[in-house]
Amino acid sequence: MNDVRAKAARIKLVIFDVDGVLTDGRFYFDEQGREYKGFHAHDGLGIKLLRKTGVDVAVISGRVSVSVSKRMDSLGIERVFQGYQNKLLAFDDILKDTGFSPEEIAHVGDDLLDLPLFRRVGLAVAVSNAHPSILSHVDWRTRQPGGYGAAREVCDLIMEAQGKLQDIVEQHY
């Protein structure tokens, strides 16, 4: 765990997958074919608090969804990459845009499309219900499943490793 905390202490940007990480991975459609997704409030607050400490957040999703655009907009996340089956293309854009090194970036994922990023980032995290084939490629695994507070765990881990979590908690007393 000390190695994970050391890696988390260096993080300047966290990339979250969407389906299966920020959501529970299920898709809902109404009679007109419009798609809906459910996002957990704990994850949203964790992301807002993490951003408040100066750590940036991005999302990369293999699918395109209006629900994702609206939720990320409500969280103030500007780096939103949708429709990227090859997530390394978006990752390379993030590196160029931010000037961060790969070691300063974390990625949170749940399935095979996340493996290329896991190999490149400084901190690779899988949600607890991630596909078993990726687990040997991550540094850390959350206790909560995707869509049920896993992203909040990652945010808390990074804020704690950077010595910022207690300040955030005290601000809410």
C-alpha atoms as a PDB file:
ATOM      1  CA  MET A   1       0.000   0.000   0.000  1.00  0.00           C
ATOM      2  CA  ASN A   2       2.926   2.367   0.584  1.00  0.00           C
ATOM      3  CA  ASP A   3       3.853   2.066  -3.095  1.00  0.00           C
ATOM      4  CA  VAL A   4       0.288   2.978  -4.068  1.00  0.00           C
ATOM      5  CA  ARG A   5       0.308   6.019  -1.769  1.00  0.00           C
ATOM      6  CA  ALA A   6       3.657   7.139  -3.199  1.00  0.00           C
ATOM      7  CA  LYS A   7       2.248   6.893  -6.718  1.00  0.00           C
ATOM      8  CA  ALA A   8      -0.960   8.683  -5.670  1.00  0.00           C
ATOM      9  CA  ALA A   9       1.060  11.517  -4.121  1.00  0.00           C
ATOM     10  CA  ARG A  10       2.451  12.380  -7.591  1.00  0.00           C
ATOM     11  CA  ILE A  11      -0.898  12.506  -9.415  1.00  0.00           C
ATOM     12  CA  LYS A  12      -1.901  15.753 -11.113  1.00  0.00           C
ATOM     13  CA  LEU A  13      -4.727  14.385 -13.285  1.00  0.00           C
ATOM     14  CA  VAL A  14      -7.118  11.443 -12.985  1.00  0.00           C
ATOM     15  CA  ILE A  15      -8.755   9.870 -16.022  1.00  0.00           C
ATOM     16  CA  PHE A  16     -11.996   8.025 -15.362  1.00  0.00           C
ATOM     17  CA  ASP A  17     -13.635   5.548 -17.687  1.00  0.00           C
ATOM     18  CA  VAL A  18     -17.405   6.061 -17.699  1.00  0.00           C
ATOM     19  CA  ASP A  19     -19.397   2.856 -18.236  1.00  0.00           C
ATOM     20  CA  GLY A  20     -18.638   0.511 -15.367  1.00  0.00           C
ATOM     21  CA  VAL A  21     -16.628   3.107 -13.427  1.00  0.00           C
ATOM     22  CA  LEU A  22     -18.662   6.306 -13.065  1.00  0.00           C
ATOM     23  CA  THR A  23     -21.802   4.253 -13.773  1.00  0.00           C
ATOM     24  CA  ASP A  24     -22.733   0.705 -12.878  1.00  0.00           C
ATOM     25  CA  GLY A  25     -22.262  -0.254 -16.524  1.00  0.00           C
ATOM     26  CA  ARG A  26     -25.934  -0.737 -17.313  1.00  0.00           C
ATOM     27  CA  PHE A  27     -27.679   1.147 -20.123  1.00  0.00           C
ATOM     28  CA  TYR A  28     -31.260   2.382 -19.901  1.00  0.00           C
ATOM     29  CA  PHE A  29     -33.328   3.305 -22.952  1.00  0.00           C
ATOM     30  CA  ASP A  30     -36.780   4.849 -23.146  1.00  0.00           C
ATOM     31  CA  GLU A  31     -39.377   4.059 -25.824  1.00  0.00           C
ATOM     32  CA  GLN A  32     -37.843   6.649 -28.165  1.00  0.00           C
ATOM     33  CA  GLY A  33     -34.406   5.046 -27.839  1.00  0.00           C
ATOM     34  CA  ARG A  34     -32.919   7.803 -25.672  1.00  0.00           C
ATOM     35  CA  GLU A  35     -30.177   6.528 -23.387  1.00  0.00           C
ATOM     36  CA  TYR A  36     -29.985   7.256 -19.662  1.00  0.00           C
ATOM     37  CA  LYS A  37     -27.248   6.554 -17.136  1.00  0.00           C
ATOM     38  CA  GLY A  38     -27.120   6.724 -13.355  1.00  0.00           C
ATOM     39  CA  PHE A  39     -24.264   8.499 -11.592  1.00  0.00           C
ATOM     40  CA  HIS A  40     -23.561   8.305  -7.852  1.00  0.00           C
ATOM     41  CA  ALA A  41     -23.597  11.534  -5.815  1.00  0.00           C
ATOM     42  CA  HIS A  42     -20.578  10.405  -3.741  1.00  0.00           C
ATOM     43  CA  ASP A  43     -18.491  10.115  -6.898  1.00  0.00           C
ATOM     44  CA  GLY A  44     -19.551  13.563  -8.054  1.00  0.00           C
ATOM     45  CA  LEU A  45     -18.660  15.194  -4.743  1.00  0.00           C
ATOM     46  CA  GLY A  46     -15.344  13.352  -4.623  1.00  0.00           C
ATOM     47  CA  ILE A  47     -14.477  14.634  -8.082  1.00  0.00           C
ATOM     48  CA  LYS A  48     -15.431  18.194  -7.139  1.00  0.00           C
ATOM     49  CA  LEU A  49     -13.326  18.009  -3.964  1.00  0.00           C
ATOM     50  CA  LEU A  50     -10.364  16.524  -5.810  1.00  0.00           C
ATOM     51  CA  ARG A  51     -10.511  19.297  -8.381  1.00  0.00           C
ATOM     52  CA  LYS A  52     -10.671  21.830  -5.535  1.00  0.00           C
ATOM     53  CA  THR A  53      -7.271  20.554  -4.340  1.00  0.00           C
ATOM     54  CA  GLY A  54      -5.756  21.236  -7.760  1.00  0.00           C
ATOM     55  CA  VAL A  55      -5.897  17.749  -9.264  1.00  0.00           C
ATOM     56  CA  ASP A  56      -7.488  17.833 -12.714  1.00  0.00           C
ATOM     57  CA  VAL A  57      -9.993  15.246 -13.982  1.00  0.00           C
ATOM     58  CA  ALA A  58     -10.731  13.861 -17.435  1.00  0.00           C
ATOM     59  CA  VAL A  59     -13.041  11.172 -18.766  1.00  0.00           C
ATOM     60  CA  ILE A  60     -12.437   8.883 -21.709  1.00  0.00           C
ATOM     61  CA  SER A  61     -15.280   6.688 -22.887  1.00  0.00           C
ATOM     62  CA  GLY A  62     -15.561   4.271 -25.756  1.00  0.00           C
ATOM     63  CA  ARG A  63     -19.194   5.291 -26.235  1.00  0.00           C
ATOM     64  CA  VAL A  64     -20.919   8.622 -26.883  1.00  0.00           C
ATOM     65  CA  SER A  65     -23.748   9.698 -24.594  1.00  0.00           C
ATOM     66  CA  VAL A  66     -25.644  12.926 -23.974  1.00  0.00           C
ATOM     67  CA  SER A  67     -26.016  11.856 -20.329  1.00  0.00           C
ATOM     68  CA  VAL A  68     -22.233  11.817 -19.944  1.00  0.00           C
ATOM     69  CA  SER A  69     -21.890  15.269 -21.498  1.00  0.00           C
ATOM     70  CA  LYS A  70     -24.497  16.709 -19.151  1.00  0.00           C
ATOM     71  CA  ARG A  71     -23.031  15.076 -16.016  1.00  0.00           C
ATOM     72  CA  MET A  72     -19.461  16.101 -16.801  1.00  0.00           C
ATOM     73  CA  ASP A  73     -20.621  19.639 -17.527  1.00  0.00           C
ATOM     74  CA  SER A  74     -22.359  19.746 -14.130  1.00  0.00           C
ATOM     75  CA  LEU A  75     -19.081  18.676 -12.483  1.00  0.00           C
ATOM     76  CA  GLY A  76     -17.051  21.260 -14.401  1.00  0.00           C
ATOM     77  CA  ILE A  77     -14.995  18.632 -16.224  1.00  0.00           C
ATOM     78  CA  GLU A  78     -13.747  20.047 -19.509  1.00  0.00           C
ATOM     79  CA  ARG A  79     -11.584  17.162 -20.699  1.00  0.00           C
ATOM     80  CA  VAL A  80     -14.335  14.857 -21.975  1.00  0.00           C
ATOM     81  CA  PHE A  81     -13.401  12.362 -24.678  1.00  0.00           C
ATOM     82  CA  GLN A  82     -16.271  10.232 -25.966  1.00  0.00           C
ATOM     83  CA  GLY A  83     -16.287   7.644 -28.716  1.00  0.00           C
ATOM     84  CA  TYR A  84     -12.644   6.659 -28.181  1.00  0.00           C
ATOM     85  CA  GLN A  85     -12.244   2.910 -28.615  1.00  0.00           C
ATOM     86  CA  ASN A  86      -8.508   3.607 -28.683  1.00  0.00           C
ATOM     87  CA  LYS A  87      -8.107   5.545 -25.457  1.00  0.00           C
ATOM     88  CA  LEU A  88      -4.419   6.202 -26.125  1.00  0.00           C
ATOM     89  CA  LEU A  89      -5.389   8.794 -28.752  1.00  0.00           C
ATOM     90  CA  ALA A  90      -7.170  10.853 -26.094  1.00  0.00           C
ATOM     91  CA  PHE A  91      -4.352  10.174 -23.616  1.00  0.00           C
ATOM     92  CA  ASP A  92      -1.778  11.565 -26.038  1.00  0.00           C
ATOM     93  CA  ASP A  93      -3.917  14.702 -26.472  1.00  0.00           C
ATOM     94  CA  ILE A  94      -4.074  15.086 -22.679  1.00  0.00           C
ATOM     95  CA  LEU A  95      -0.291  14.765 -22.392  1.00  0.00           C
ATOM     96  CA  LYS A  96       0.252  17.398 -25.102  1.00  0.00           C
ATOM     97  CA  ASP A  97      -2.358  19.752 -23.670  1.00  0.00           C
ATOM     98  CA  THR A  98      -1.271  19.563 -20.022  1.00  0.00           C
ATOM     99  CA  GLY A  99       2.457  18.965 -20.242  1.00  0.00           C
ATOM    100  CA  PHE A 100       2.117  16.320 -17.522  1.00  0.00           C
ATOM    101  CA  SER A 101       4.230  13.194 -17.630  1.00  0.00           C
ATOM    102  CA  PRO A 102       2.475   9.805 -17.719  1.00  0.00           C
ATOM    103  CA  GLU A 103       3.649   9.201 -14.116  1.00  0.00           C
ATOM    104  CA  GLU A 104       1.583  12.215 -13.011  1.00  0.00           C
ATOM    105  CA  ILE A 105      -1.632  10.699 -14.371  1.00  0.00           C
ATOM    106  CA  ALA A 106      -3.923   8.038 -12.890  1.00  0.00           C
ATOM    107  CA  HIS A 107      -6.468   5.987 -14.777  1.00  0.00           C
ATOM    108  CA  VAL A 108      -9.507   4.250 -13.324  1.00  0.00           C
ATOM    109  CA  GLY A 109     -11.044   1.511 -15.447  1.00  0.00           C
ATOM    110  CA  ASP A 110     -12.920  -1.759 -15.468  1.00  0.00           C
ATOM    111  CA  ASP A 111     -12.295  -3.716 -18.672  1.00  0.00           C
ATOM    112  CA  LEU A 112     -10.027  -4.535 -21.615  1.00  0.00           C
ATOM    113  CA  LEU A 113     -10.267  -1.117 -23.301  1.00  0.00           C
ATOM    114  CA  ASP A 114      -8.460   0.295 -20.255  1.00  0.00           C
ATOM    115  CA  LEU A 115      -5.361  -1.932 -20.512  1.00  0.00           C
ATOM    116  CA  PRO A 116      -3.366   0.357 -22.848  1.00  0.00           C
ATOM    117  CA  LEU A 117      -3.790   3.241 -20.395  1.00  0.00           C
ATOM    118  CA  PHE A 118      -2.932   1.056 -17.400  1.00  0.00           C
ATOM    119  CA  ARG A 119       0.417   0.343 -19.050  1.00  0.00           C
ATOM    120  CA  ARG A 120       1.192   4.044 -19.526  1.00  0.00           C
ATOM    121  CA  VAL A 121      -0.022   5.856 -16.392  1.00  0.00           C
ATOM    122  CA  GLY A 122       1.637   6.376 -13.033  1.00  0.00           C
ATOM    123  CA  LEU A 123      -1.288   4.910 -11.065  1.00  0.00           C
ATOM    124  CA  ALA A 124      -3.592   2.249 -12.529  1.00  0.00           C
ATOM    125  CA  VAL A 125      -6.808   1.553 -10.614  1.00  0.00           C
ATOM    126  CA  ALA A 126      -9.566  -0.988 -11.220  1.00  0.00           C
ATOM    127  CA  VAL A 127     -13.009  -0.853  -9.636  1.00  0.00           C
ATOM    128  CA  SER A 128     -13.899  -3.834  -7.453  1.00  0.00           C
ATOM    129  CA  ASN A 129     -16.171  -5.398 -10.063  1.00  0.00           C
ATOM    130  CA  ALA A 130     -13.702  -4.998 -12.929  1.00  0.00           C
ATOM    131  CA  HIS A 131     -13.245  -7.833 -15.375  1.00  0.00           C
ATOM    132  CA  PRO A 132     -10.787 -10.358 -13.886  1.00  0.00           C
ATOM    133  CA  SER A 133      -8.523 -10.227 -16.955  1.00  0.00           C
ATOM    134  CA  ILE A 134      -7.284  -6.737 -16.065  1.00  0.00           C
ATOM    135  CA  LEU A 135      -6.625  -7.150 -12.355  1.00  0.00           C
ATOM    136  CA  SER A 136      -2.993  -8.215 -12.730  1.00  0.00           C
ATOM    137  CA  HIS A 137      -2.314  -4.937 -14.567  1.00  0.00           C
ATOM    138  CA  VAL A 138      -3.386  -2.490 -11.842  1.00  0.00           C
ATOM    139  CA  ASP A 139      -1.713  -0.959  -8.809  1.00  0.00           C
ATOM    140  CA  TRP A 140      -4.847  -0.787  -6.683  1.00  0.00           C
ATOM    141  CA  ARG A 141      -8.453  -1.998  -6.609  1.00  0.00           C
ATOM    142  CA  THR A 142     -11.346  -0.140  -4.998  1.00  0.00           C
ATOM    143  CA  ARG A 143     -13.635  -1.713  -2.412  1.00  0.00           C
ATOM    144  CA  GLN A 144     -16.755  -0.268  -4.041  1.00  0.00           C
ATOM    145  CA  PRO A 145     -18.002  -1.319  -7.470  1.00  0.00           C
ATOM    146  CA  GLY A 146     -18.221   1.048 -10.403  1.00  0.00           C
ATOM    147  CA  GLY A 147     -21.150   3.440 -10.153  1.00  0.00           C
ATOM    148  CA  TYR A 148     -21.430   2.975  -6.382  1.00  0.00           C
ATOM    149  CA  GLY A 149     -18.694   5.181  -4.924  1.00  0.00           C
ATOM    150  CA  ALA A 150     -15.555   3.679  -6.476  1.00  0.00           C
ATOM    151  CA  ALA A 151     -14.529   7.023  -7.983  1.00  0.00           C
ATOM    152  CA  ARG A 152     -14.903   8.664  -4.561  1.00  0.00           C
ATOM    153  CA  GLU A 153     -12.502   6.098  -3.099  1.00  0.00           C
ATOM    154  CA  VAL A 154      -9.917   7.005  -5.723  1.00  0.00           C
ATOM    155  CA  CYS A 155     -10.364  10.720  -5.065  1.00  0.00           C
ATOM    156  CA  ASP A 156      -9.995  10.173  -1.312  1.00  0.00           C
ATOM    157  CA  LEU A 157      -6.888   8.011  -1.812  1.00  0.00           C
ATOM    158  CA  ILE A 158      -5.194  10.726  -3.863  1.00  0.00           C
ATOM    159  CA  MET A 159      -6.202  13.556  -1.526  1.00  0.00           C
ATOM    160  CA  GLU A 160      -4.981  11.557   1.487  1.00  0.00           C
ATOM    161  CA  ALA A 161      -1.670  10.656  -0.191  1.00  0.00           C
ATOM    162  CA  GLN A 162      -1.132  14.331  -1.030  1.00  0.00           C
ATOM    163  CA  GLY A 163      -1.933  15.435   2.534  1.00  0.00           C
ATOM    164  CA  LYS A 164      -5.077  17.321   1.487  1.00  0.00           C
ATOM    165  CA  LEU A 165      -7.948  15.118   2.660  1.00  0.00           C
ATOM    166  CA  GLN A 166      -8.009  16.312   6.279  1.00  0.00           C
ATOM    167  CA  ASP A 167      -8.149  19.964   5.158  1.00  0.00           C
ATOM    168  CA  ILE A 168     -11.097  19.153   2.882  1.00  0.00           C
ATOM    169  CA  VAL A 169     -12.903  17.385   5.731  1.00  0.00           C
ATOM    170  CA  GLU A 170     -12.265  20.260   8.150  1.00  0.00           C
ATOM    171  CA  GLN A 171     -13.670  22.763   5.664  1.00  0.00           C
ATOM    172  CA  HIS A 172     -17.017  21.003   6.022  1.00  0.00           C
ATOM    173  CA  TYR A 173     -17.261  21.098   9.834  1.00  0.00           C
END
